[in-house]
Amino acid sequence: MRWAAAEAEFRKLLELSPVDDYAHYALGRALQKQGRFEEAGRHLKLARCLGRTALDGEAVEREDREPGPDQASSRSDSSVA
């Protein structure tokens, strides 16, 4: 995906609507994908504070931290019996 282009689009959206929780969330994810974790964390926290209800708080908190080298391997699908 073109994360820099996504970043630019969500920044434009935030100029029009600075309190758009989803725009902050999506910008945070685009920044995260580019390795800009500190800046991403600020937008993810703003999204949570502005009412991002599609994600639970724990998921957003996990996303605003830099992923560890074994993060993908430590996940398991607990819904499978």
PDB file of N, CA and C in Angstrom:
ATOM      1  N   MET A   1       0.846  -1.190   0.000  1.00  0.00           N
ATOM      2  CA  MET A   1       0.000   0.000   0.000  1.00  0.00           C
ATOM      3  C   MET A   1       0.883   1.243   0.000  1.00  0.00           C
ATOM      4  N   ARG A   2       0.353   2.295  -0.468  1.00  0.00           N
ATOM      5  CA  ARG A   2       1.072   3.574  -0.525  1.00  0.00           C
ATOM      6  C   ARG A   2       0.773   4.370   0.743  1.00  0.00           C
ATOM      7  N   TRP A   3       1.561   4.104   1.783  1.00  0.00           N
ATOM      8  CA  TRP A   3       1.294   4.697   3.097  1.00  0.00           C
ATOM      9  C   TRP A   3       1.524   6.206   3.110  1.00  0.00           C
ATOM     10  N   ALA A   4       2.508   6.697   2.359  1.00  0.00           N
ATOM     11  CA  ALA A   4       2.750   8.146   2.312  1.00  0.00           C
ATOM     12  C   ALA A   4       1.558   8.868   1.678  1.00  0.00           C
ATOM     13  N   ALA A   5       0.969   8.274   0.637  1.00  0.00           N
ATOM     14  CA  ALA A   5      -0.211   8.868   0.002  1.00  0.00           C
ATOM     15  C   ALA A   5      -1.402   8.840   0.955  1.00  0.00           C
ATOM     16  N   ALA A   6      -1.559   7.746   1.681  1.00  0.00           N
ATOM     17  CA  ALA A   6      -2.645   7.648   2.665  1.00  0.00           C
ATOM     18  C   ALA A   6      -2.455   8.705   3.750  1.00  0.00           C
ATOM     19  N   GLU A   7      -1.210   8.861   4.200  1.00  0.00           N
ATOM     20  CA  GLU A   7      -0.914   9.885   5.211  1.00  0.00           C
ATOM     21  C   GLU A   7      -1.346  11.263   4.717  1.00  0.00           C
ATOM     22  N   ALA A   8      -0.990  11.602   3.491  1.00  0.00           N
ATOM     23  CA  ALA A   8      -1.335  12.914   2.937  1.00  0.00           C
ATOM     24  C   ALA A   8      -2.849  13.118   2.880  1.00  0.00           C
ATOM     25  N   GLU A   9      -3.571  12.086   2.481  1.00  0.00           N
ATOM     26  CA  GLU A   9      -5.038  12.199   2.391  1.00  0.00           C
ATOM     27  C   GLU A   9      -5.676  12.387   3.757  1.00  0.00           C
ATOM     28  N   PHE A  10      -5.211  11.644   4.753  1.00  0.00           N
ATOM     29  CA  PHE A  10      -5.803  11.782   6.088  1.00  0.00           C
ATOM     30  C   PHE A  10      -5.410  13.110   6.729  1.00  0.00           C
ATOM     31  N   ARG A  11      -4.231  13.631   6.403  1.00  0.00           N
ATOM     32  CA  ARG A  11      -3.869  14.971   6.900  1.00  0.00           C
ATOM     33  C   ARG A  11      -4.798  16.026   6.288  1.00  0.00           C
ATOM     34  N   LYS A  12      -5.138  15.881   5.002  1.00  0.00           N
ATOM     35  CA  LYS A  12      -6.084  16.807   4.360  1.00  0.00           C
ATOM     36  C   LYS A  12      -7.444  16.735   5.040  1.00  0.00           C
ATOM     37  N   LEU A  13      -7.889  15.523   5.320  1.00  0.00           N
ATOM     38  CA  LEU A  13      -9.172  15.337   5.995  1.00  0.00           C
ATOM     39  C   LEU A  13      -9.158  16.000   7.368  1.00  0.00           C
ATOM     40  N   LEU A  14      -8.046  15.876   8.083  1.00  0.00           N
ATOM     41  CA  LEU A  14      -7.961  16.488   9.407  1.00  0.00           C
ATOM     42  C   LEU A  14      -7.923  18.014   9.345  1.00  0.00           C
ATOM     43  N   GLU A  15      -7.454  18.571   8.235  1.00  0.00           N
ATOM     44  CA  GLU A  15      -7.527  20.027   8.068  1.00  0.00           C
ATOM     45  C   GLU A  15      -8.979  20.476   7.990  1.00  0.00           C
ATOM     46  N   LEU A  16      -9.811  19.658   7.361  1.00  0.00           N
ATOM     47  CA  LEU A  16     -11.235  19.979   7.222  1.00  0.00           C
ATOM     48  C   LEU A  16     -12.026  19.652   8.481  1.00  0.00           C
ATOM     49  N   SER A  17     -11.617  18.589   9.153  1.00  0.00           N
ATOM     50  CA  SER A  17     -12.347  18.135  10.331  1.00  0.00           C
ATOM     51  C   SER A  17     -11.360  17.631  11.393  1.00  0.00           C
ATOM     52  N   PRO A  18     -10.784  18.549  12.169  1.00  0.00           N
ATOM     53  CA  PRO A  18      -9.730  18.173  13.118  1.00  0.00           C
ATOM     54  C   PRO A  18     -10.178  17.262  14.251  1.00  0.00           C
ATOM     55  N   VAL A  19     -11.472  17.101  14.452  1.00  0.00           N
ATOM     56  CA  VAL A  19     -11.948  16.228  15.524  1.00  0.00           C
ATOM     57  C   VAL A  19     -12.507  14.904  14.989  1.00  0.00           C
ATOM     58  N   ASP A  20     -12.169  14.571  13.761  1.00  0.00           N
ATOM     59  CA  ASP A  20     -12.626  13.308  13.170  1.00  0.00           C
ATOM     60  C   ASP A  20     -11.803  12.164  13.767  1.00  0.00           C
ATOM     61  N   ASP A  21     -12.440  11.378  14.618  1.00  0.00           N
ATOM     62  CA  ASP A  21     -11.727  10.301  15.309  1.00  0.00           C
ATOM     63  C   ASP A  21     -11.170   9.265  14.333  1.00  0.00           C
ATOM     64  N   TYR A  22     -11.934   8.927  13.310  1.00  0.00           N
ATOM     65  CA  TYR A  22     -11.455   7.915  12.370  1.00  0.00           C
ATOM     66  C   TYR A  22     -10.256   8.420  11.565  1.00  0.00           C
ATOM     67  N   ALA A  23     -10.245   9.699  11.213  1.00  0.00           N
ATOM     68  CA  ALA A  23      -9.117  10.262  10.467  1.00  0.00           C
ATOM     69  C   ALA A  23      -7.844  10.203  11.309  1.00  0.00           C
ATOM     70  N   HIS A  24      -7.969  10.492  12.602  1.00  0.00           N
ATOM     71  CA  HIS A  24      -6.803  10.377  13.490  1.00  0.00           C
ATOM     72  C   HIS A  24      -6.339   8.927  13.586  1.00  0.00           C
ATOM     73  N   TYR A  25      -7.300   8.015  13.709  1.00  0.00           N
ATOM     74  CA  TYR A  25      -6.955   6.595  13.790  1.00  0.00           C
ATOM     75  C   TYR A  25      -6.244   6.133  12.507  1.00  0.00           C
ATOM     76  N   ALA A  26      -6.820   6.462  11.367  1.00  0.00           N
ATOM     77  CA  ALA A  26      -6.254   6.016  10.093  1.00  0.00           C
ATOM     78  C   ALA A  26      -4.891   6.661   9.833  1.00  0.00           C
ATOM     79  N   LEU A  27      -4.746   7.927  10.189  1.00  0.00           N
ATOM     80  CA  LEU A  27      -3.452   8.578  10.050  1.00  0.00           C
ATOM     81  C   LEU A  27      -2.429   7.896  10.956  1.00  0.00           C
ATOM     82  N   GLY A  28      -2.834   7.577  12.161  1.00  0.00           N
ATOM     83  CA  GLY A  28      -1.951   6.864  13.077  1.00  0.00           C
ATOM     84  C   GLY A  28      -1.483   5.535  12.517  1.00  0.00           C
ATOM     85  N   ARG A  29      -2.396   4.815  11.911  1.00  0.00           N
ATOM     86  CA  ARG A  29      -2.034   3.509  11.320  1.00  0.00           C
ATOM     87  C   ARG A  29      -1.091   3.704  10.131  1.00  0.00           C
ATOM     88  N   ALA A  30      -1.335   4.719   9.298  1.00  0.00           N
ATOM     89  CA  ALA A  30      -0.458   4.980   8.148  1.00  0.00           C
ATOM     90  C   ALA A  30       0.943   5.348   8.624  1.00  0.00           C
ATOM     91  N   LEU A  31       1.023   6.157   9.666  1.00  0.00           N
ATOM     92  CA  LEU A  31       2.320   6.532  10.216  1.00  0.00           C
ATOM     93  C   LEU A  31       3.029   5.317  10.817  1.00  0.00           C
ATOM     94  N   GLN A  32       2.263   4.492  11.487  1.00  0.00           N
ATOM     95  CA  GLN A  32       2.801   3.269  12.083  1.00  0.00           C
ATOM     96  C   GLN A  32       3.416   2.376  11.011  1.00  0.00           C
ATOM     97  N   LYS A  33       2.730   2.229   9.917  1.00  0.00           N
ATOM     98  CA  LYS A  33       3.220   1.382   8.822  1.00  0.00           C
ATOM     99  C   LYS A  33       4.505   1.928   8.206  1.00  0.00           C
ATOM    100  N   GLN A  34       4.737   3.240   8.390  1.00  0.00           N
ATOM    101  CA  GLN A  34       5.959   3.858   7.895  1.00  0.00           C
ATOM    102  C   GLN A  34       7.068   3.872   8.954  1.00  0.00           C
ATOM    103  N   GLY A  35       6.789   3.265  10.109  1.00  0.00           N
ATOM    104  CA  GLY A  35       7.790   3.191  11.166  1.00  0.00           C
ATOM    105  C   GLY A  35       7.882   4.436  12.035  1.00  0.00           C
ATOM    106  N   ARG A  36       6.922   5.311  11.936  1.00  0.00           N
ATOM    107  CA  ARG A  36       6.921   6.568  12.702  1.00  0.00           C
ATOM    108  C   ARG A  36       6.030   6.394  13.929  1.00  0.00           C
ATOM    109  N   PHE A  37       6.506   5.587  14.867  1.00  0.00           N
ATOM    110  CA  PHE A  37       5.687   5.105  15.976  1.00  0.00           C
ATOM    111  C   PHE A  37       5.311   6.192  16.984  1.00  0.00           C
ATOM    112  N   GLU A  38       6.220   7.109  17.272  1.00  0.00           N
ATOM    113  CA  GLU A  38       5.904   8.151  18.250  1.00  0.00           C
ATOM    114  C   GLU A  38       4.776   9.054  17.744  1.00  0.00           C
ATOM    115  N   GLU A  39       4.897   9.501  16.503  1.00  0.00           N
ATOM    116  CA  GLU A  39       3.863  10.342  15.912  1.00  0.00           C
ATOM    117  C   GLU A  39       2.553   9.567  15.764  1.00  0.00           C
ATOM    118  N   ALA A  40       2.664   8.308  15.379  1.00  0.00           N
ATOM    119  CA  ALA A  40       1.471   7.462  15.248  1.00  0.00           C
ATOM    120  C   ALA A  40       0.741   7.348  16.572  1.00  0.00           C
ATOM    121  N   GLY A  41       1.499   7.148  17.637  1.00  0.00           N
ATOM    122  CA  GLY A  41       0.899   7.000  18.966  1.00  0.00           C
ATOM    123  C   GLY A  41       0.068   8.204  19.365  1.00  0.00           C
ATOM    124  N   ARG A  42       0.538   9.394  19.012  1.00  0.00           N
ATOM    125  CA  ARG A  42      -0.230  10.605  19.350  1.00  0.00           C
ATOM    126  C   ARG A  42      -1.583  10.608  18.653  1.00  0.00           C
ATOM    127  N   HIS A  43      -1.609  10.220  17.384  1.00  0.00           N
ATOM    128  CA  HIS A  43      -2.884  10.221  16.648  1.00  0.00           C
ATOM    129  C   HIS A  43      -3.796   9.094  17.117  1.00  0.00           C
ATOM    130  N   LEU A  44      -3.228   7.953  17.450  1.00  0.00           N
ATOM    131  CA  LEU A  44      -4.052   6.851  17.952  1.00  0.00           C
ATOM    132  C   LEU A  44      -4.671   7.211  19.298  1.00  0.00           C
ATOM    133  N   LYS A  45      -3.921   7.888  20.145  1.00  0.00           N
ATOM    134  CA  LYS A  45      -4.467   8.328  21.436  1.00  0.00           C
ATOM    135  C   LYS A  45      -5.559   9.377  21.237  1.00  0.00           C
ATOM    136  N   LEU A  46      -5.337  10.300  20.291  1.00  0.00           N
ATOM    137  CA  LEU A  46      -6.374  11.289  19.984  1.00  0.00           C
ATOM    138  C   LEU A  46      -7.649  10.602  19.495  1.00  0.00           C
ATOM    139  N   ALA A  47      -7.483   9.609  18.645  1.00  0.00           N
ATOM    140  CA  ALA A  47      -8.654   8.876  18.134  1.00  0.00           C
ATOM    141  C   ALA A  47      -9.439   8.272  19.286  1.00  0.00           C
ATOM    142  N   ARG A  48      -8.723   7.670  20.224  1.00  0.00           N
ATOM    143  CA  ARG A  48      -9.389   7.053  21.372  1.00  0.00           C
ATOM    144  C   ARG A  48     -10.106   8.112  22.198  1.00  0.00           C
ATOM    145  N   CYS A  49      -9.450   9.239  22.444  1.00  0.00           N
ATOM    146  CA  CYS A  49     -10.060  10.304  23.244  1.00  0.00           C
ATOM    147  C   CYS A  49     -11.270  10.930  22.552  1.00  0.00           C
ATOM    148  N   LEU A  50     -11.239  10.972  21.237  1.00  0.00           N
ATOM    149  CA  LEU A  50     -12.342  11.582  20.488  1.00  0.00           C
ATOM    150  C   LEU A  50     -13.519  10.635  20.301  1.00  0.00           C
ATOM    151  N   GLY A  51     -13.376   9.392  20.713  1.00  0.00           N
ATOM    152  CA  GLY A  51     -14.523   8.500  20.683  1.00  0.00           C
ATOM    153  C   GLY A  51     -14.474   7.395  19.671  1.00  0.00           C
ATOM    154  N   ARG A  52     -13.303   6.950  19.318  1.00  0.00           N
ATOM    155  CA  ARG A  52     -13.184   5.829  18.362  1.00  0.00           C
ATOM    156  C   ARG A  52     -13.778   4.589  19.009  1.00  0.00           C
ATOM    157  N   THR A  53     -15.044   4.274  18.677  1.00  0.00           N
ATOM    158  CA  THR A  53     -15.746   3.191  19.339  1.00  0.00           C
ATOM    159  C   THR A  53     -15.685   1.871  18.584  1.00  0.00           C
ATOM    160  N   ALA A  54     -15.216   1.884  17.356  1.00  0.00           N
ATOM    161  CA  ALA A  54     -15.159   0.636  16.587  1.00  0.00           C
ATOM    162  C   ALA A  54     -14.067  -0.286  17.111  1.00  0.00           C
ATOM    163  N   LEU A  55     -13.128   0.251  17.867  1.00  0.00           N
ATOM    164  CA  LEU A  55     -12.078  -0.558  18.477  1.00  0.00           C
ATOM    165  C   LEU A  55     -12.223  -0.477  19.979  1.00  0.00           C
ATOM    166  N   ASP A  56     -11.883  -1.563  20.649  1.00  0.00           N
ATOM    167  CA  ASP A  56     -11.876  -1.460  22.101  1.00  0.00           C
ATOM    168  C   ASP A  56     -10.585  -0.777  22.518  1.00  0.00           C
ATOM    169  N   GLY A  57     -10.554  -0.206  23.695  1.00  0.00           N
ATOM    170  CA  GLY A  57      -9.397   0.542  24.158  1.00  0.00           C
ATOM    171  C   GLY A  57      -8.125  -0.266  24.177  1.00  0.00           C
ATOM    172  N   GLU A  58      -8.219  -1.533  24.525  1.00  0.00           N
ATOM    173  CA  GLU A  58      -7.022  -2.371  24.588  1.00  0.00           C
ATOM    174  C   GLU A  58      -6.376  -2.509  23.219  1.00  0.00           C
ATOM    175  N   ALA A  59      -7.176  -2.656  22.173  1.00  0.00           N
ATOM    176  CA  ALA A  59      -6.628  -2.807  20.825  1.00  0.00           C
ATOM    177  C   ALA A  59      -5.896  -1.542  20.401  1.00  0.00           C
ATOM    178  N   VAL A  60      -6.457  -0.372  20.699  1.00  0.00           N
ATOM    179  CA  VAL A  60      -5.812   0.879  20.324  1.00  0.00           C
ATOM    180  C   VAL A  60      -4.520   1.047  21.102  1.00  0.00           C
ATOM    181  N   GLU A  61      -4.528   0.713  22.400  1.00  0.00           N
ATOM    182  CA  GLU A  61      -3.311   0.815  23.196  1.00  0.00           C
ATOM    183  C   GLU A  61      -2.220  -0.079  22.634  1.00  0.00           C
ATOM    184  N   ARG A  62      -2.557  -1.273  22.207  1.00  0.00           N
ATOM    185  CA  ARG A  62      -1.583  -2.190  21.619  1.00  0.00           C
ATOM    186  C   ARG A  62      -0.997  -1.595  20.346  1.00  0.00           C
ATOM    187  N   GLU A  63      -1.831  -0.927  19.552  1.00  0.00           N
ATOM    188  CA  GLU A  63      -1.401  -0.389  18.271  1.00  0.00           C
ATOM    189  C   GLU A  63      -0.502   0.818  18.408  1.00  0.00           C
ATOM    190  N   ASP A  64      -0.589   1.561  19.519  1.00  0.00           N
ATOM    191  CA  ASP A  64       0.242   2.752  19.618  1.00  0.00           C
ATOM    192  C   ASP A  64       1.610   2.473  20.213  1.00  0.00           C
ATOM    193  N   ARG A  65       1.937   1.206  20.395  1.00  0.00           N
ATOM    194  CA  ARG A  65       3.283   0.820  20.812  1.00  0.00           C
ATOM    195  C   ARG A  65       4.016   0.224  19.633  1.00  0.00           C
ATOM    196  N   GLU A  66       5.309   0.382  19.636  1.00  0.00           N
ATOM    197  CA  GLU A  66       6.136  -0.204  18.581  1.00  0.00           C
ATOM    198  C   GLU A  66       6.052  -1.716  18.699  1.00  0.00           C
ATOM    199  N   PRO A  67       5.772  -2.423  17.604  1.00  0.00           N
ATOM    200  CA  PRO A  67       5.661  -3.878  17.676  1.00  0.00           C
ATOM    201  C   PRO A  67       7.008  -4.520  17.970  1.00  0.00           C
ATOM    202  N   GLY A  68       6.985  -5.531  18.811  1.00  0.00           N
ATOM    203  CA  GLY A  68       8.202  -6.278  19.108  1.00  0.00           C
ATOM    204  C   GLY A  68       8.497  -7.272  18.010  1.00  0.00           C
ATOM    205  N   PRO A  69       9.710  -7.825  17.996  1.00  0.00           N
ATOM    206  CA  PRO A  69      10.091  -8.753  16.929  1.00  0.00           C
ATOM    207  C   PRO A  69       9.267 -10.039  16.924  1.00  0.00           C
ATOM    208  N   ASP A  70       8.733 -10.404  18.069  1.00  0.00           N
ATOM    209  CA  ASP A  70       7.970 -11.657  18.130  1.00  0.00           C
ATOM    210  C   ASP A  70       6.478 -11.416  18.296  1.00  0.00           C
ATOM    211  N   GLN A  71       6.016 -10.200  18.044  1.00  0.00           N
ATOM    212  CA  GLN A  71       4.607  -9.882  18.249  1.00  0.00           C
ATOM    213  C   GLN A  71       3.688 -10.758  17.407  1.00  0.00           C
ATOM    214  N   ALA A  72       4.012 -10.951  16.144  1.00  0.00           N
ATOM    215  CA  ALA A  72       3.148 -11.748  15.265  1.00  0.00           C
ATOM    216  C   ALA A  72       3.110 -13.198  15.712  1.00  0.00           C
ATOM    217  N   SER A  73       4.221 -13.726  16.169  1.00  0.00           N
ATOM    218  CA  SER A  73       4.249 -15.134  16.558  1.00  0.00           C
ATOM    219  C   SER A  73       3.605 -15.381  17.908  1.00  0.00           C
ATOM    220  N   SER A  74       3.414 -14.309  18.717  1.00  0.00           N
ATOM    221  CA  SER A  74       2.837 -14.508  20.042  1.00  0.00           C
ATOM    222  C   SER A  74       1.317 -14.461  20.028  1.00  0.00           C
ATOM    223  N   ARG A  75       0.731 -14.090  18.902  1.00  0.00           N
ATOM    224  CA  ARG A  75      -0.727 -14.035  18.807  1.00  0.00           C
ATOM    225  C   ARG A  75      -1.277 -15.431  18.558  1.00  0.00           C
ATOM    226  N   SER A  76      -2.428 -15.678  19.157  1.00  0.00           N
ATOM    227  CA  SER A  76      -3.098 -16.950  18.914  1.00  0.00           C
ATOM    228  C   SER A  76      -4.585 -16.698  18.776  1.00  0.00           C
ATOM    229  N   ASP A  77      -5.246 -17.561  18.059  1.00  0.00           N
ATOM    230  CA  ASP A  77      -6.677 -17.426  17.859  1.00  0.00           C
ATOM    231  C   ASP A  77      -7.376 -18.194  18.947  1.00  0.00           C
ATOM    232  N   SER A  78      -7.874 -17.470  19.962  1.00  0.00           N
ATOM    233  CA  SER A  78      -8.512 -18.128  21.093  1.00  0.00           C
ATOM    234  C   SER A  78      -9.944 -18.552  20.770  1.00  0.00           C
ATOM    235  N   SER A  79     -10.457 -18.169  19.606  1.00  0.00           N
ATOM    236  CA  SER A  79     -11.824 -18.551  19.259  1.00  0.00           C
ATOM    237  C   SER A  79     -11.911 -19.975  18.715  1.00  0.00           C
ATOM    238  N   VAL A  80     -10.789 -20.574  18.397  1.00  0.00           N
ATOM    239  CA  VAL A  80     -10.772 -21.933  17.878  1.00  0.00           C
ATOM    240  C   VAL A  80     -10.739 -22.878  19.056  1.00  0.00           C
ATOM    241  N   ALA A  81     -11.683 -23.788  19.109  1.00  0.00           N
ATOM    242  CA  ALA A  81     -11.757 -24.720  20.239  1.00  0.00           C
ATOM    243  C   ALA A  81     -10.979 -25.980  19.969  1.00  0.00           C
TER     244      ALA A  81
END
